[in-house]
Amino acid sequence: MSILATEQVSHSFHDRWLFKDLHFRLLKGDRVALVGINGTGKSTLLSILGGKLEPTSGKVVKEKGIKIGFLDQDPKYD
């Protein structure tokens, strides 16, 4: 069973698509690296997976009880 999965996740800013119809799943014990050039949507995808941003379309499915830790690229300290 997947602990985290995406179903047809797409995201755009204005008229520019960062990614469309993204499908993947993570199983317990998987290790993943997200690599790409600047501006390709890596931080945006992580924000969507972490629940900080809603995708333009599609959905993220998490196993019940899963908590995702997230450190912002530009943290704001109070």
C-alpha atoms as a PDB file:
ATOM      1  CA  MET A   1       0.000   0.000   0.000  1.00  0.00           C
ATOM      2  CA  SER A   2       1.209   3.523  -0.808  1.00  0.00           C
ATOM      3  CA  ILE A   3       2.006   5.874   2.042  1.00  0.00           C
ATOM      4  CA  LEU A   4       1.848   8.833  -0.371  1.00  0.00           C
ATOM      5  CA  ALA A   5       0.542   9.010  -3.935  1.00  0.00           C
ATOM      6  CA  THR A   6      -0.519  11.540  -6.533  1.00  0.00           C
ATOM      7  CA  GLU A   7      -3.428  11.151  -8.906  1.00  0.00           C
ATOM      8  CA  GLN A   8      -3.260  13.291 -12.057  1.00  0.00           C
ATOM      9  CA  VAL A   9      -1.669  16.200 -10.192  1.00  0.00           C
ATOM     10  CA  SER A  10      -1.097  19.282 -12.334  1.00  0.00           C
ATOM     11  CA  HIS A  11      -0.069  22.784 -11.416  1.00  0.00           C
ATOM     12  CA  SER A  12       0.261  26.037 -13.305  1.00  0.00           C
ATOM     13  CA  PHE A  13       1.028  29.650 -12.549  1.00  0.00           C
ATOM     14  CA  HIS A  14      -1.083  31.870 -14.783  1.00  0.00           C
ATOM     15  CA  ASP A  15      -0.625  30.382 -18.292  1.00  0.00           C
ATOM     16  CA  ARG A  16       2.568  28.389 -17.562  1.00  0.00           C
ATOM     17  CA  TRP A  17       2.255  24.704 -16.637  1.00  0.00           C
ATOM     18  CA  LEU A  18       4.956  23.434 -14.292  1.00  0.00           C
ATOM     19  CA  PHE A  19       3.758  19.831 -14.564  1.00  0.00           C
ATOM     20  CA  LYS A  20       0.681  17.987 -15.837  1.00  0.00           C
ATOM     21  CA  ASP A  21      -0.960  14.677 -14.912  1.00  0.00           C
ATOM     22  CA  LEU A  22       1.733  13.625 -12.435  1.00  0.00           C
ATOM     23  CA  HIS A  23       1.329  10.081 -11.139  1.00  0.00           C
ATOM     24  CA  PHE A  24       3.600   8.458  -8.578  1.00  0.00           C
ATOM     25  CA  ARG A  25       3.479   6.582  -5.331  1.00  0.00           C
ATOM     26  CA  LEU A  26       5.809   6.076  -2.417  1.00  0.00           C
ATOM     27  CA  LEU A  27       5.880   2.843  -0.512  1.00  0.00           C
ATOM     28  CA  LYS A  28       7.128   2.408   3.038  1.00  0.00           C
ATOM     29  CA  GLY A  29      10.925   2.302   2.942  1.00  0.00           C
ATOM     30  CA  ASP A  30      11.255   4.087  -0.421  1.00  0.00           C
ATOM     31  CA  ARG A  31      13.917   6.750  -0.790  1.00  0.00           C
ATOM     32  CA  VAL A  32      13.477   9.497  -3.343  1.00  0.00           C
ATOM     33  CA  ALA A  33      15.495  12.378  -4.768  1.00  0.00           C
ATOM     34  CA  LEU A  34      13.822  15.253  -6.581  1.00  0.00           C
ATOM     35  CA  VAL A  35      16.295  16.747  -9.043  1.00  0.00           C
ATOM     36  CA  GLY A  36      15.828  19.370 -11.746  1.00  0.00           C
ATOM     37  CA  ILE A  37      16.937  22.737 -13.013  1.00  0.00           C
ATOM     38  CA  ASN A  38      15.674  25.988 -11.498  1.00  0.00           C
ATOM     39  CA  GLY A  39      12.081  26.901 -12.256  1.00  0.00           C
ATOM     40  CA  THR A  40      10.824  23.417 -13.084  1.00  0.00           C
ATOM     41  CA  GLY A  41       8.458  23.116 -10.104  1.00  0.00           C
ATOM     42  CA  LYS A  42      10.399  21.120  -7.506  1.00  0.00           C
ATOM     43  CA  SER A  43       9.526  23.434  -4.599  1.00  0.00           C
ATOM     44  CA  THR A  44       5.967  23.767  -5.843  1.00  0.00           C
ATOM     45  CA  LEU A  45       5.542  19.984  -5.961  1.00  0.00           C
ATOM     46  CA  LEU A  46       6.933  19.629  -2.439  1.00  0.00           C
ATOM     47  CA  SER A  47       4.556  22.367  -1.242  1.00  0.00           C
ATOM     48  CA  ILE A  48       1.658  20.433  -2.777  1.00  0.00           C
ATOM     49  CA  LEU A  49       2.784  17.144  -1.218  1.00  0.00           C
ATOM     50  CA  GLY A  50       3.194  18.880   2.146  1.00  0.00           C
ATOM     51  CA  GLY A  51      -0.312  20.336   1.997  1.00  0.00           C
ATOM     52  CA  LYS A  52       0.853  23.968   1.853  1.00  0.00           C
ATOM     53  CA  LEU A  53      -0.431  24.505  -1.705  1.00  0.00           C
ATOM     54  CA  GLU A  54      -3.398  23.096  -3.604  1.00  0.00           C
ATOM     55  CA  PRO A  55      -2.705  21.639  -7.052  1.00  0.00           C
ATOM     56  CA  THR A  56      -4.446  23.204 -10.038  1.00  0.00           C
ATOM     57  CA  SER A  57      -5.965  19.763 -10.656  1.00  0.00           C
ATOM     58  CA  GLY A  58      -5.678  16.233  -9.317  1.00  0.00           C
ATOM     59  CA  LYS A  59      -5.131  15.138  -5.752  1.00  0.00           C
ATOM     60  CA  VAL A  60      -2.583  13.867  -3.252  1.00  0.00           C
ATOM     61  CA  VAL A  61      -3.501  10.772  -1.258  1.00  0.00           C
ATOM     62  CA  LYS A  62      -1.792  10.064   2.073  1.00  0.00           C
ATOM     63  CA  GLU A  63      -2.053   6.972   4.225  1.00  0.00           C
ATOM     64  CA  LYS A  64      -4.067   7.671   7.350  1.00  0.00           C
ATOM     65  CA  GLY A  65      -1.856   8.942  10.156  1.00  0.00           C
ATOM     66  CA  ILE A  66       1.026  10.013   7.888  1.00  0.00           C
ATOM     67  CA  LYS A  67       2.622  13.320   8.854  1.00  0.00           C
ATOM     68  CA  ILE A  68       4.785  15.220   6.388  1.00  0.00           C
ATOM     69  CA  GLY A  69       7.534  17.475   7.732  1.00  0.00           C
ATOM     70  CA  PHE A  70       8.319  20.513   5.624  1.00  0.00           C
ATOM     71  CA  LEU A  71      10.952  23.230   5.835  1.00  0.00           C
ATOM     72  CA  ASP A  72      10.144  26.186   3.600  1.00  0.00           C
ATOM     73  CA  GLN A  73      12.720  27.248   1.048  1.00  0.00           C
ATOM     74  CA  ASP A  74      12.408  30.789   2.439  1.00  0.00           C
ATOM     75  CA  PRO A  75      11.442  30.309   6.108  1.00  0.00           C
ATOM     76  CA  LYS A  76       9.855  33.208   7.966  1.00  0.00           C
ATOM     77  CA  TYR A  77      10.820  33.594  11.603  1.00  0.00           C
ATOM     78  CA  ASP A  78       8.677  35.450  14.122  1.00  0.00           C
END
